[in-house]
Amino acid sequence: MTVDQLPVTGRTGPAASAGRATPAAQRPRISMTARRHRAFYLFTAPWIIGFLLLTIVPMAYALWLSFTTYDGISPHWRYVGLGNYTELFSDPTTWNSLGRTGLFAITSVPLSIIAGLGLAVLVNRPVKARGLFRTLLYLPAVVPPVGVGLTFKALFDQNSGAANGVITLFGLDALGWLADPYARYVLLMSVLWAAGNIMIISLAGLQDVPRELHEAARIDGASAWRTFRSITVPLLSPVLLFQTVTGVIASVQTIMPLLLSPDGTTAGVTALPQSNYLYMMHVFSQYFALGRYGYASALLWVLFVLILIVTGLIFKFTSGVVFYNVDPEAKK
C-alpha cells in the first residue's frame, strides 16, 4: 500500500487542521479601543454606581418631595404641585435668609481668597523652616467643621470665653459675641480660620509661574508689586477662578451658624441671631424643626438652580480675564 492509499482520516498536519475551525478562530477579536473602553467603565463602575445611588436618586427623590406635603413621618401626604414653590417665593423669611447668604458669600469668599493667597506668598519665600510654617498654617484647615464651630463657640462665650477674658483685662465690658451684631464677625472669622486650603492651592499655582517672567520684569525695572499685579495674578487667574466658584458653592451651604448656636441642636436654629440665619439654616429649620420635608426640598432645589445660575455668570463675566498657560504645541 502506497502513501497515497492511506485512509484520509489518518492524516495529520496543516492540511488536516486547515479544514477544522479552532476555538481561537471562533472567538471574535476585540479591538484595542474596545478594550480601553471596557477597562475604563470597569474601573469607574464603583464611582458611577455611587453617583447614581447617592446623588441622582436622592436628588430625584427630593424633587418628588418638593411637590408634596410629606413630613417625613406620617404616611399621609398630599400632592400640591407647585404649591411649595409658590409659598417659597412669597415667604419673606426665605428672601431675607437668601439676602444674608448672598452678603455672606460676597464678603467671605474674597477675604478667604486674599488671605489664602497672602499666606501662599509668604510661605513661598526661601526662608528657614519653610516646611514647618506651611504645616502650621495648613493644620487649621484639616480640623473638622464641628471642631471649629465648638472651638469658636467656647472662645467667644459671653461668660467663660477667652475673648471676653482678654478685653475685660483692659477694663472693657464683656460682649455678647454670639448675638447680634457681633455674631456675623465670629462666623466670618471661623471661615477665615480654614484659609489653609486656599493657601495650598495658591502655593501650587505660584510655583507654576515661570521664573523667567519675574526675572525679565526685574531687569525691566518693575517693582515687586507691579510684577505681582501684572504677571503673577494673571497667571494665577485659573486658580482664582476655581477658588471663587468652589468658595461660592461652599459659602451658600455653610452649616457653621448652627454649630455656633446656643445649644447646637435643632432648637438652636430658632435661637440663632438674625445676622447668622442664612439660607441653609432656613432649610434646616424647615426639615428638622418643623418637619416640612416637601417645603424644605423645594428650598434646596431653588438653591441648586441658583448655584447653577451664579456659576454660569461667574464663568461668563470672567472669560476675558482668565488666562491659561498652555503650550502652543499642545493646541495642535
C-alpha atoms as a PDB file:
ATOM      1  CA  MET A   1       0.000   0.000   0.000  1.00  0.00           C
ATOM      2  CA  THR A   2       1.410   3.314  -1.034  1.00  0.00           C
ATOM      3  CA  VAL A   3       1.268   6.566   0.876  1.00  0.00           C
ATOM      4  CA  ASP A   4      -1.480   7.878  -1.377  1.00  0.00           C
ATOM      5  CA  GLN A   5      -3.662   4.906  -0.496  1.00  0.00           C
ATOM      6  CA  LEU A   6      -3.625   5.622   3.266  1.00  0.00           C
ATOM      7  CA  PRO A   7      -7.018   6.482   4.812  1.00  0.00           C
ATOM      8  CA  VAL A   8      -7.838  10.165   4.762  1.00  0.00           C
ATOM      9  CA  THR A   9      -8.892  10.103   8.401  1.00  0.00           C
ATOM     10  CA  GLY A  10      -5.411   9.211   9.451  1.00  0.00           C
ATOM     11  CA  ARG A  11      -3.794  12.338   8.040  1.00  0.00           C
ATOM     12  CA  THR A  12      -2.417  14.956  10.351  1.00  0.00           C
ATOM     13  CA  GLY A  13      -0.687  18.264   9.811  1.00  0.00           C
ATOM     14  CA  PRO A  14      -1.529  21.630   8.298  1.00  0.00           C
ATOM     15  CA  ALA A  15      -3.675  20.224   5.568  1.00  0.00           C
ATOM     16  CA  ALA A  16      -5.926  18.454   8.018  1.00  0.00           C
ATOM     17  CA  SER A  17      -6.097  21.301  10.564  1.00  0.00           C
ATOM     18  CA  ALA A  18      -6.894  23.848   7.865  1.00  0.00           C
ATOM     19  CA  GLY A  19     -10.332  22.349   7.371  1.00  0.00           C
ATOM     20  CA  ARG A  20     -11.240  22.483  11.077  1.00  0.00           C
ATOM     21  CA  ALA A  21     -12.123  25.740  12.929  1.00  0.00           C
ATOM     22  CA  THR A  22     -10.090  26.118  16.125  1.00  0.00           C
ATOM     23  CA  PRO A  23     -11.596  27.702  19.266  1.00  0.00           C
ATOM     24  CA  ALA A  24      -9.272  30.716  18.877  1.00  0.00           C
ATOM     25  CA  ALA A  25     -10.556  31.328  15.375  1.00  0.00           C
ATOM     26  CA  GLN A  26     -14.171  31.146  16.557  1.00  0.00           C
ATOM     27  CA  ARG A  27     -13.695  33.927  19.186  1.00  0.00           C
ATOM     28  CA  PRO A  28     -14.196  37.458  17.804  1.00  0.00           C
ATOM     29  CA  ARG A  29     -11.170  39.695  18.138  1.00  0.00           C
ATOM     30  CA  ILE A  30     -11.636  42.747  20.380  1.00  0.00           C
ATOM     31  CA  SER A  31     -10.077  45.950  19.177  1.00  0.00           C
ATOM     32  CA  MET A  32      -7.743  47.972  21.358  1.00  0.00           C
ATOM     33  CA  THR A  33     -10.304  50.804  21.571  1.00  0.00           C
ATOM     34  CA  ALA A  34     -12.986  48.423  22.838  1.00  0.00           C
ATOM     35  CA  ARG A  35     -10.578  47.056  25.424  1.00  0.00           C
ATOM     36  CA  ARG A  36      -9.792  50.543  26.651  1.00  0.00           C
ATOM     37  CA  HIS A  37     -13.488  51.400  26.888  1.00  0.00           C
ATOM     38  CA  ARG A  38     -14.167  48.210  28.806  1.00  0.00           C
ATOM     39  CA  ALA A  39     -11.295  48.886  31.208  1.00  0.00           C
ATOM     40  CA  PHE A  40     -12.472  52.476  31.683  1.00  0.00           C
ATOM     41  CA  TYR A  41     -16.027  51.510  32.624  1.00  0.00           C
ATOM     42  CA  LEU A  42     -14.759  48.655  34.778  1.00  0.00           C
ATOM     43  CA  PHE A  43     -12.572  50.929  36.893  1.00  0.00           C
ATOM     44  CA  THR A  44     -15.112  53.776  37.054  1.00  0.00           C
ATOM     45  CA  ALA A  45     -18.063  51.492  37.803  1.00  0.00           C
ATOM     46  CA  PRO A  46     -17.826  51.972  41.625  1.00  0.00           C
ATOM     47  CA  TRP A  47     -17.933  55.761  41.227  1.00  0.00           C
ATOM     48  CA  ILE A  48     -20.719  55.628  38.634  1.00  0.00           C
ATOM     49  CA  ILE A  49     -22.825  53.341  40.827  1.00  0.00           C
ATOM     50  CA  GLY A  50     -22.176  55.533  43.880  1.00  0.00           C
ATOM     51  CA  PHE A  51     -23.028  58.685  41.913  1.00  0.00           C
ATOM     52  CA  LEU A  52     -26.308  57.197  40.733  1.00  0.00           C
ATOM     53  CA  LEU A  53     -27.339  55.794  44.123  1.00  0.00           C
ATOM     54  CA  LEU A  54     -26.045  58.588  46.365  1.00  0.00           C
ATOM     55  CA  THR A  55     -26.584  61.651  44.163  1.00  0.00           C
ATOM     56  CA  ILE A  56     -29.023  61.173  41.292  1.00  0.00           C
ATOM     57  CA  VAL A  57     -31.542  59.037  43.198  1.00  0.00           C
ATOM     58  CA  PRO A  58     -31.651  61.341  46.285  1.00  0.00           C
ATOM     59  CA  MET A  59     -31.989  64.402  44.038  1.00  0.00           C
ATOM     60  CA  ALA A  60     -34.847  62.803  42.156  1.00  0.00           C
ATOM     61  CA  TYR A  61     -36.480  61.822  45.444  1.00  0.00           C
ATOM     62  CA  ALA A  62     -36.094  65.377  46.781  1.00  0.00           C
ATOM     63  CA  LEU A  63     -37.634  66.720  43.570  1.00  0.00           C
ATOM     64  CA  TRP A  64     -40.635  64.466  44.052  1.00  0.00           C
ATOM     65  CA  LEU A  65     -40.911  65.515  47.702  1.00  0.00           C
ATOM     66  CA  SER A  66     -40.946  69.188  46.687  1.00  0.00           C
ATOM     67  CA  PHE A  67     -44.362  68.643  45.101  1.00  0.00           C
ATOM     68  CA  THR A  68     -45.873  67.050  48.231  1.00  0.00           C
ATOM     69  CA  THR A  69     -46.713  67.851  51.858  1.00  0.00           C
ATOM     70  CA  TYR A  70     -44.715  64.899  53.216  1.00  0.00           C
ATOM     71  CA  ASP A  71     -43.474  65.430  56.783  1.00  0.00           C
ATOM     72  CA  GLY A  72     -41.012  62.536  56.976  1.00  0.00           C
ATOM     73  CA  ILE A  73     -43.068  60.507  59.473  1.00  0.00           C
ATOM     74  CA  SER A  74     -46.750  60.340  58.625  1.00  0.00           C
ATOM     75  CA  PRO A  75     -47.807  58.038  55.774  1.00  0.00           C
ATOM     76  CA  HIS A  76     -50.472  60.567  54.807  1.00  0.00           C
ATOM     77  CA  TRP A  77     -49.340  63.214  52.350  1.00  0.00           C
ATOM     78  CA  ARG A  78     -50.825  65.278  49.548  1.00  0.00           C
ATOM     79  CA  TYR A  79     -49.609  66.205  46.123  1.00  0.00           C
ATOM     80  CA  VAL A  80     -49.646  70.012  45.960  1.00  0.00           C
ATOM     81  CA  GLY A  81     -47.912  70.591  42.640  1.00  0.00           C
ATOM     82  CA  LEU A  82     -46.155  73.953  42.630  1.00  0.00           C
ATOM     83  CA  GLY A  83     -47.727  74.967  45.934  1.00  0.00           C
ATOM     84  CA  ASN A  84     -44.447  74.744  47.855  1.00  0.00           C
ATOM     85  CA  TYR A  85     -42.669  76.849  45.249  1.00  0.00           C
ATOM     86  CA  THR A  86     -45.445  79.425  45.285  1.00  0.00           C
ATOM     87  CA  GLU A  87     -45.207  79.696  49.065  1.00  0.00           C
ATOM     88  CA  LEU A  88     -41.407  79.849  48.842  1.00  0.00           C
ATOM     89  CA  PHE A  89     -41.346  82.886  46.578  1.00  0.00           C
ATOM     90  CA  SER A  90     -43.904  84.690  48.750  1.00  0.00           C
ATOM     91  CA  ASP A  91     -42.180  83.909  52.072  1.00  0.00           C
ATOM     92  CA  PRO A  92     -40.269  86.965  53.390  1.00  0.00           C
ATOM     93  CA  THR A  93     -38.154  84.744  55.671  1.00  0.00           C
ATOM     94  CA  THR A  94     -36.831  82.897  52.625  1.00  0.00           C
ATOM     95  CA  TRP A  95     -35.909  86.113  50.845  1.00  0.00           C
ATOM     96  CA  ASN A  96     -34.255  87.568  53.944  1.00  0.00           C
ATOM     97  CA  SER A  97     -32.190  84.459  54.540  1.00  0.00           C
ATOM     98  CA  LEU A  98     -31.232  84.381  50.863  1.00  0.00           C
ATOM     99  CA  GLY A  99     -30.097  88.013  51.036  1.00  0.00           C
ATOM    100  CA  ARG A 100     -27.979  87.334  54.121  1.00  0.00           C
ATOM    101  CA  THR A 101     -26.448  84.339  52.385  1.00  0.00           C
ATOM    102  CA  GLY A 102     -25.551  86.433  49.351  1.00  0.00           C
ATOM    103  CA  LEU A 103     -23.978  89.093  51.551  1.00  0.00           C
ATOM    104  CA  PHE A 104     -22.047  86.429  53.441  1.00  0.00           C
ATOM    105  CA  ALA A 105     -20.751  84.917  50.177  1.00  0.00           C
ATOM    106  CA  ILE A 106     -19.749  88.306  48.769  1.00  0.00           C
ATOM    107  CA  THR A 107     -17.827  89.039  51.968  1.00  0.00           C
ATOM    108  CA  SER A 108     -16.297  85.690  52.904  1.00  0.00           C
ATOM    109  CA  VAL A 109     -15.172  84.424  49.500  1.00  0.00           C
ATOM    110  CA  PRO A 110     -12.945  87.409  48.538  1.00  0.00           C
ATOM    111  CA  LEU A 111     -11.494  87.653  52.048  1.00  0.00           C
ATOM    112  CA  SER A 112     -10.714  83.927  52.102  1.00  0.00           C
ATOM    113  CA  ILE A 113      -9.018  84.079  48.690  1.00  0.00           C
ATOM    114  CA  ILE A 114      -6.985  87.159  49.668  1.00  0.00           C
ATOM    115  CA  ALA A 115      -5.959  85.578  52.981  1.00  0.00           C
ATOM    116  CA  GLY A 116      -5.004  82.277  51.339  1.00  0.00           C
ATOM    117  CA  LEU A 117      -3.054  83.994  48.563  1.00  0.00           C
ATOM    118  CA  GLY A 118      -1.245  86.227  51.072  1.00  0.00           C
ATOM    119  CA  LEU A 119      -0.214  83.223  53.147  1.00  0.00           C
ATOM    120  CA  ALA A 120       0.905  81.405  49.994  1.00  0.00           C
ATOM    121  CA  VAL A 121       3.137  84.330  49.013  1.00  0.00           C
ATOM    122  CA  LEU A 122       4.692  84.354  52.476  1.00  0.00           C
ATOM    123  CA  VAL A 123       5.448  80.624  52.662  1.00  0.00           C
ATOM    124  CA  ASN A 124       6.718  80.609  49.081  1.00  0.00           C
ATOM    125  CA  ARG A 125       9.725  82.692  50.082  1.00  0.00           C
ATOM    126  CA  PRO A 126      13.051  80.889  50.634  1.00  0.00           C
ATOM    127  CA  VAL A 127      13.205  81.115  54.427  1.00  0.00           C
ATOM    128  CA  LYS A 128      14.356  78.651  57.045  1.00  0.00           C
ATOM    129  CA  ALA A 129      11.839  76.117  58.369  1.00  0.00           C
ATOM    130  CA  ARG A 130       9.550  76.922  55.462  1.00  0.00           C
ATOM    131  CA  GLY A 131       8.018  73.443  55.573  1.00  0.00           C
ATOM    132  CA  LEU A 132       7.194  73.863  59.262  1.00  0.00           C
ATOM    133  CA  PHE A 133       5.442  77.177  58.625  1.00  0.00           C
ATOM    134  CA  ARG A 134       3.427  75.615  55.797  1.00  0.00           C
ATOM    135  CA  THR A 135       2.352  72.767  58.054  1.00  0.00           C
ATOM    136  CA  LEU A 136       1.352  75.042  60.917  1.00  0.00           C
ATOM    137  CA  LEU A 137      -0.671  77.325  58.653  1.00  0.00           C
ATOM    138  CA  TYR A 138      -2.400  74.371  56.979  1.00  0.00           C
ATOM    139  CA  LEU A 139      -3.279  72.489  60.176  1.00  0.00           C
ATOM    140  CA  PRO A 140      -6.439  74.539  60.969  1.00  0.00           C
ATOM    141  CA  ALA A 141      -7.842  73.535  57.566  1.00  0.00           C
ATOM    142  CA  VAL A 142      -7.867  69.844  58.484  1.00  0.00           C
ATOM    143  CA  VAL A 143      -9.868  70.407  61.670  1.00  0.00           C
ATOM    144  CA  PRO A 144     -13.454  69.148  61.132  1.00  0.00           C
ATOM    145  CA  PRO A 145     -16.117  71.881  60.923  1.00  0.00           C
ATOM    146  CA  VAL A 146     -17.735  70.557  64.108  1.00  0.00           C
ATOM    147  CA  GLY A 147     -14.477  71.054  65.985  1.00  0.00           C
ATOM    148  CA  VAL A 148     -14.056  74.556  64.565  1.00  0.00           C
ATOM    149  CA  GLY A 149     -17.607  75.532  65.495  1.00  0.00           C
ATOM    150  CA  LEU A 150     -17.329  74.229  69.045  1.00  0.00           C
ATOM    151  CA  THR A 151     -13.925  75.864  69.478  1.00  0.00           C
ATOM    152  CA  PHE A 152     -15.145  79.265  68.370  1.00  0.00           C
ATOM    153  CA  LYS A 153     -18.248  78.864  70.496  1.00  0.00           C
ATOM    154  CA  ALA A 154     -16.044  78.258  73.537  1.00  0.00           C
ATOM    155  CA  LEU A 155     -13.680  81.121  72.669  1.00  0.00           C
ATOM    156  CA  PHE A 156     -16.450  83.681  72.235  1.00  0.00           C
ATOM    157  CA  ASP A 157     -18.792  82.577  75.000  1.00  0.00           C
ATOM    158  CA  GLN A 158     -20.041  85.636  76.839  1.00  0.00           C
ATOM    159  CA  ASN A 159     -19.497  84.212  80.336  1.00  0.00           C
ATOM    160  CA  SER A 160     -16.426  81.995  80.060  1.00  0.00           C
ATOM    161  CA  GLY A 161     -14.917  82.748  76.656  1.00  0.00           C
ATOM    162  CA  ALA A 162     -11.265  83.686  76.200  1.00  0.00           C
ATOM    163  CA  ALA A 163     -12.186  86.692  74.008  1.00  0.00           C
ATOM    164  CA  ASN A 164     -14.120  88.379  76.802  1.00  0.00           C
ATOM    165  CA  GLY A 165     -11.427  87.363  79.267  1.00  0.00           C
ATOM    166  CA  VAL A 166      -8.892  89.362  77.257  1.00  0.00           C
ATOM    167  CA  ILE A 167     -10.976  92.511  76.802  1.00  0.00           C
ATOM    168  CA  THR A 168     -12.013  92.598  80.468  1.00  0.00           C
ATOM    169  CA  LEU A 169      -8.314  92.840  81.363  1.00  0.00           C
ATOM    170  CA  PHE A 170      -8.381  96.297  79.789  1.00  0.00           C
ATOM    171  CA  GLY A 171     -11.406  97.375  81.801  1.00  0.00           C
ATOM    172  CA  LEU A 172     -13.919  96.857  78.987  1.00  0.00           C
ATOM    173  CA  ASP A 173     -17.322  95.225  79.333  1.00  0.00           C
ATOM    174  CA  ALA A 174     -17.862  91.674  78.153  1.00  0.00           C
ATOM    175  CA  LEU A 175     -19.519  91.421  74.752  1.00  0.00           C
ATOM    176  CA  GLY A 176     -22.171  89.029  73.514  1.00  0.00           C
ATOM    177  CA  TRP A 177     -20.113  87.736  70.615  1.00  0.00           C
ATOM    178  CA  LEU A 178     -22.633  85.058  69.614  1.00  0.00           C
ATOM    179  CA  ALA A 179     -25.515  87.533  69.428  1.00  0.00           C
ATOM    180  CA  ASP A 180     -26.259  90.438  67.103  1.00  0.00           C
ATOM    181  CA  PRO A 181     -24.474  92.484  65.916  1.00  0.00           C
ATOM    182  CA  TYR A 182     -21.197  90.604  66.570  1.00  0.00           C
ATOM    183  CA  ALA A 183     -22.281  87.094  65.534  1.00  0.00           C
ATOM    184  CA  ARG A 184     -21.609  87.764  61.838  1.00  0.00           C
ATOM    185  CA  TYR A 185     -17.984  88.641  62.599  1.00  0.00           C
ATOM    186  CA  VAL A 186     -17.458  85.439  64.581  1.00  0.00           C
ATOM    187  CA  LEU A 187     -18.894  83.478  61.673  1.00  0.00           C
ATOM    188  CA  LEU A 188     -16.544  85.250  59.260  1.00  0.00           C
ATOM    189  CA  MET A 189     -13.535  84.528  61.470  1.00  0.00           C
ATOM    190  CA  SER A 190     -14.469  80.844  61.616  1.00  0.00           C
ATOM    191  CA  VAL A 191     -14.426  80.750  57.817  1.00  0.00           C
ATOM    192  CA  LEU A 192     -11.084  82.556  57.556  1.00  0.00           C
ATOM    193  CA  TRP A 193      -9.691  80.098  60.095  1.00  0.00           C
ATOM    194  CA  ALA A 194      -9.630  77.448  57.351  1.00  0.00           C
ATOM    195  CA  ALA A 195      -7.785  79.560  54.774  1.00  0.00           C
ATOM    196  CA  GLY A 196      -5.043  76.916  54.703  1.00  0.00           C
ATOM    197  CA  ASN A 197      -6.887  75.031  51.964  1.00  0.00           C
ATOM    198  CA  ILE A 198      -6.789  78.073  49.702  1.00  0.00           C
ATOM    199  CA  MET A 199      -3.161  78.662  50.696  1.00  0.00           C
ATOM    200  CA  ILE A 200      -2.111  75.209  49.457  1.00  0.00           C
ATOM    201  CA  ILE A 201      -3.860  75.628  46.096  1.00  0.00           C
ATOM    202  CA  SER A 202      -2.486  79.142  45.645  1.00  0.00           C
ATOM    203  CA  LEU A 203       1.002  77.926  46.568  1.00  0.00           C
ATOM    204  CA  ALA A 204       0.841  75.291  43.852  1.00  0.00           C
ATOM    205  CA  GLY A 205      -0.199  77.975  41.379  1.00  0.00           C
ATOM    206  CA  LEU A 206       2.650  80.289  42.460  1.00  0.00           C
ATOM    207  CA  GLN A 207       5.218  77.556  41.949  1.00  0.00           C
ATOM    208  CA  ASP A 208       3.899  77.008  38.441  1.00  0.00           C
ATOM    209  CA  VAL A 209       4.596  80.626  37.407  1.00  0.00           C
ATOM    210  CA  PRO A 210       7.730  80.686  35.204  1.00  0.00           C
ATOM    211  CA  ARG A 211      10.640  82.375  36.972  1.00  0.00           C
ATOM    212  CA  GLU A 212      11.879  83.747  33.662  1.00  0.00           C
ATOM    213  CA  LEU A 213       8.976  86.189  33.582  1.00  0.00           C
ATOM    214  CA  HIS A 214       9.815  87.524  37.038  1.00  0.00           C
ATOM    215  CA  GLU A 215      13.467  87.881  36.100  1.00  0.00           C
ATOM    216  CA  ALA A 216      12.552  89.726  32.900  1.00  0.00           C
ATOM    217  CA  ALA A 217      10.295  92.095  34.843  1.00  0.00           C
ATOM    218  CA  ARG A 218      13.056  92.716  37.383  1.00  0.00           C
ATOM    219  CA  ILE A 219      15.507  93.532  34.584  1.00  0.00           C
ATOM    220  CA  ASP A 220      12.982  95.979  33.107  1.00  0.00           C
ATOM    221  CA  GLY A 221      12.826  97.756  36.451  1.00  0.00           C
ATOM    222  CA  ALA A 222       9.353  96.627  37.545  1.00  0.00           C
ATOM    223  CA  SER A 223       8.676  96.792  41.277  1.00  0.00           C
ATOM    224  CA  ALA A 224       7.663  93.748  43.297  1.00  0.00           C
ATOM    225  CA  TRP A 225       4.044  94.932  43.475  1.00  0.00           C
ATOM    226  CA  ARG A 226       3.902  95.645  39.729  1.00  0.00           C
ATOM    227  CA  THR A 227       5.359  92.200  38.988  1.00  0.00           C
ATOM    228  CA  PHE A 228       2.824  90.566  41.269  1.00  0.00           C
ATOM    229  CA  ARG A 229      -0.098  92.518  39.807  1.00  0.00           C
ATOM    230  CA  SER A 230       0.865  92.253  36.119  1.00  0.00           C
ATOM    231  CA  ILE A 231       2.446  88.785  35.958  1.00  0.00           C
ATOM    232  CA  THR A 232       1.632  86.640  38.975  1.00  0.00           C
ATOM    233  CA  VAL A 233      -2.073  87.422  39.335  1.00  0.00           C
ATOM    234  CA  PRO A 234      -2.931  86.969  35.609  1.00  0.00           C
ATOM    235  CA  LEU A 235      -1.139  83.626  35.546  1.00  0.00           C
ATOM    236  CA  LEU A 236      -2.976  82.640  38.731  1.00  0.00           C
ATOM    237  CA  SER A 237      -6.361  83.589  37.262  1.00  0.00           C
ATOM    238  CA  PRO A 238      -7.434  79.954  36.578  1.00  0.00           C
ATOM    239  CA  VAL A 239      -6.647  79.085  40.194  1.00  0.00           C
ATOM    240  CA  LEU A 240      -8.502  82.157  41.446  1.00  0.00           C
ATOM    241  CA  LEU A 241     -11.496  81.266  39.272  1.00  0.00           C
ATOM    242  CA  PHE A 242     -11.557  77.754  40.717  1.00  0.00           C
ATOM    243  CA  GLN A 243     -11.366  79.105  44.266  1.00  0.00           C
ATOM    244  CA  THR A 244     -14.137  81.608  43.548  1.00  0.00           C
ATOM    245  CA  VAL A 245     -16.544  79.012  42.184  1.00  0.00           C
ATOM    246  CA  THR A 246     -15.887  76.457  44.922  1.00  0.00           C
ATOM    247  CA  GLY A 247     -15.923  79.186  47.570  1.00  0.00           C
ATOM    248  CA  VAL A 248     -19.336  80.472  46.481  1.00  0.00           C
ATOM    249  CA  ILE A 249     -20.767  76.951  46.464  1.00  0.00           C
ATOM    250  CA  ALA A 250     -19.355  76.251  49.933  1.00  0.00           C
ATOM    251  CA  SER A 251     -20.444  79.593  51.408  1.00  0.00           C
ATOM    252  CA  VAL A 252     -24.102  79.218  50.434  1.00  0.00           C
ATOM    253  CA  GLN A 253     -24.140  75.744  52.014  1.00  0.00           C
ATOM    254  CA  THR A 254     -22.384  76.613  55.267  1.00  0.00           C
ATOM    255  CA  ILE A 255     -23.733  74.987  58.397  1.00  0.00           C
ATOM    256  CA  MET A 256     -21.365  76.780  60.784  1.00  0.00           C
ATOM    257  CA  PRO A 257     -24.063  79.120  62.264  1.00  0.00           C
ATOM    258  CA  LEU A 258     -25.847  76.082  63.676  1.00  0.00           C
ATOM    259  CA  LEU A 259     -22.649  74.998  65.445  1.00  0.00           C
ATOM    260  CA  LEU A 260     -22.331  78.498  66.899  1.00  0.00           C
ATOM    261  CA  SER A 261     -25.944  78.482  68.136  1.00  0.00           C
ATOM    262  CA  PRO A 262     -26.696  78.434  71.877  1.00  0.00           C
ATOM    263  CA  ASP A 263     -27.194  74.661  72.126  1.00  0.00           C
ATOM    264  CA  GLY A 264     -26.178  73.382  68.679  1.00  0.00           C
ATOM    265  CA  THR A 265     -29.389  71.381  68.187  1.00  0.00           C
ATOM    266  CA  THR A 266     -32.473  71.846  66.067  1.00  0.00           C
ATOM    267  CA  ALA A 267     -33.891  74.064  68.781  1.00  0.00           C
ATOM    268  CA  GLY A 268     -30.837  76.268  68.384  1.00  0.00           C
ATOM    269  CA  VAL A 269     -31.959  77.258  64.898  1.00  0.00           C
ATOM    270  CA  THR A 270     -34.764  79.382  66.272  1.00  0.00           C
ATOM    271  CA  ALA A 271     -32.331  80.975  68.747  1.00  0.00           C
ATOM    272  CA  LEU A 272     -29.831  81.994  66.085  1.00  0.00           C
ATOM    273  CA  PRO A 273     -29.123  85.722  65.747  1.00  0.00           C
ATOM    274  CA  GLN A 274     -30.778  87.185  62.680  1.00  0.00           C
ATOM    275  CA  SER A 275     -27.446  88.039  61.062  1.00  0.00           C
ATOM    276  CA  ASN A 276     -26.494  84.335  61.028  1.00  0.00           C
ATOM    277  CA  TYR A 277     -29.871  82.997  59.919  1.00  0.00           C
ATOM    278  CA  LEU A 278     -28.652  82.013  56.456  1.00  0.00           C
ATOM    279  CA  TYR A 279     -30.478  80.112  53.738  1.00  0.00           C
ATOM    280  CA  MET A 280     -29.257  76.679  54.839  1.00  0.00           C
ATOM    281  CA  MET A 281     -30.361  77.484  58.386  1.00  0.00           C
ATOM    282  CA  HIS A 282     -33.825  78.137  56.985  1.00  0.00           C
ATOM    283  CA  VAL A 283     -33.719  74.813  55.148  1.00  0.00           C
ATOM    284  CA  PHE A 284     -32.515  73.013  58.275  1.00  0.00           C
ATOM    285  CA  SER A 285     -35.299  74.591  60.314  1.00  0.00           C
ATOM    286  CA  GLN A 286     -37.966  73.505  57.831  1.00  0.00           C
ATOM    287  CA  TYR A 287     -36.611  69.954  57.662  1.00  0.00           C
ATOM    288  CA  PHE A 288     -35.897  69.058  61.266  1.00  0.00           C
ATOM    289  CA  ALA A 289     -37.582  71.672  63.448  1.00  0.00           C
ATOM    290  CA  LEU A 290     -40.890  71.900  61.583  1.00  0.00           C
ATOM    291  CA  GLY A 291     -40.892  68.576  59.702  1.00  0.00           C
ATOM    292  CA  ARG A 292     -41.856  70.166  56.371  1.00  0.00           C
ATOM    293  CA  TYR A 293     -39.913  67.865  54.081  1.00  0.00           C
ATOM    294  CA  GLY A 294     -41.756  68.939  50.957  1.00  0.00           C
ATOM    295  CA  TYR A 295     -41.210  72.657  51.507  1.00  0.00           C
ATOM    296  CA  ALA A 296     -37.564  72.160  52.518  1.00  0.00           C
ATOM    297  CA  SER A 297     -36.939  70.064  49.403  1.00  0.00           C
ATOM    298  CA  ALA A 298     -38.330  72.888  47.297  1.00  0.00           C
ATOM    299  CA  LEU A 299     -35.927  75.263  49.049  1.00  0.00           C
ATOM    300  CA  LEU A 300     -33.000  73.010  48.201  1.00  0.00           C
ATOM    301  CA  TRP A 301     -33.963  72.736  44.548  1.00  0.00           C
ATOM    302  CA  VAL A 302     -34.238  76.506  44.261  1.00  0.00           C
ATOM    303  CA  LEU A 303     -30.781  76.785  45.823  1.00  0.00           C
ATOM    304  CA  PHE A 304     -29.452  74.244  43.315  1.00  0.00           C
ATOM    305  CA  VAL A 305     -30.784  76.266  40.392  1.00  0.00           C
ATOM    306  CA  LEU A 306     -29.400  79.497  41.861  1.00  0.00           C
ATOM    307  CA  ILE A 307     -25.949  77.917  42.239  1.00  0.00           C
ATOM    308  CA  LEU A 308     -26.033  76.877  38.580  1.00  0.00           C
ATOM    309  CA  ILE A 309     -27.019  80.401  37.517  1.00  0.00           C
ATOM    310  CA  VAL A 310     -24.373  82.097  39.665  1.00  0.00           C
ATOM    311  CA  THR A 311     -21.677  79.687  38.481  1.00  0.00           C
ATOM    312  CA  GLY A 312     -22.618  80.320  34.862  1.00  0.00           C
ATOM    313  CA  LEU A 313     -22.494  84.087  35.412  1.00  0.00           C
ATOM    314  CA  ILE A 314     -19.061  83.813  37.028  1.00  0.00           C
ATOM    315  CA  PHE A 315     -17.710  81.891  34.047  1.00  0.00           C
ATOM    316  CA  LYS A 316     -19.307  84.329  31.631  1.00  0.00           C
ATOM    317  CA  PHE A 317     -18.013  87.541  33.196  1.00  0.00           C
ATOM    318  CA  THR A 318     -14.522  86.168  33.887  1.00  0.00           C
ATOM    319  CA  SER A 319     -13.908  84.642  30.468  1.00  0.00           C
ATOM    320  CA  GLY A 320     -11.957  87.711  29.339  1.00  0.00           C
ATOM    321  CA  VAL A 321      -9.721  87.953  32.402  1.00  0.00           C
ATOM    322  CA  VAL A 322      -8.758  84.308  32.909  1.00  0.00           C
ATOM    323  CA  PHE A 323      -5.548  83.299  31.147  1.00  0.00           C
ATOM    324  CA  TYR A 324      -4.433  79.713  30.700  1.00  0.00           C
ATOM    325  CA  ASN A 325      -0.735  78.994  30.382  1.00  0.00           C
ATOM    326  CA  VAL A 326      -0.972  76.483  27.516  1.00  0.00           C
ATOM    327  CA  ASP A 327       1.906  75.437  25.313  1.00  0.00           C
ATOM    328  CA  PRO A 328       1.108  76.421  21.698  1.00  0.00           C
ATOM    329  CA  GLU A 329       2.252  72.987  20.568  1.00  0.00           C
ATOM    330  CA  ALA A 330      -0.362  71.409  22.809  1.00  0.00           C
ATOM    331  CA  LYS A 331      -3.156  73.092  20.854  1.00  0.00           C
ATOM    332  CA  LYS A 332      -2.249  71.277  17.631  1.00  0.00           C
END
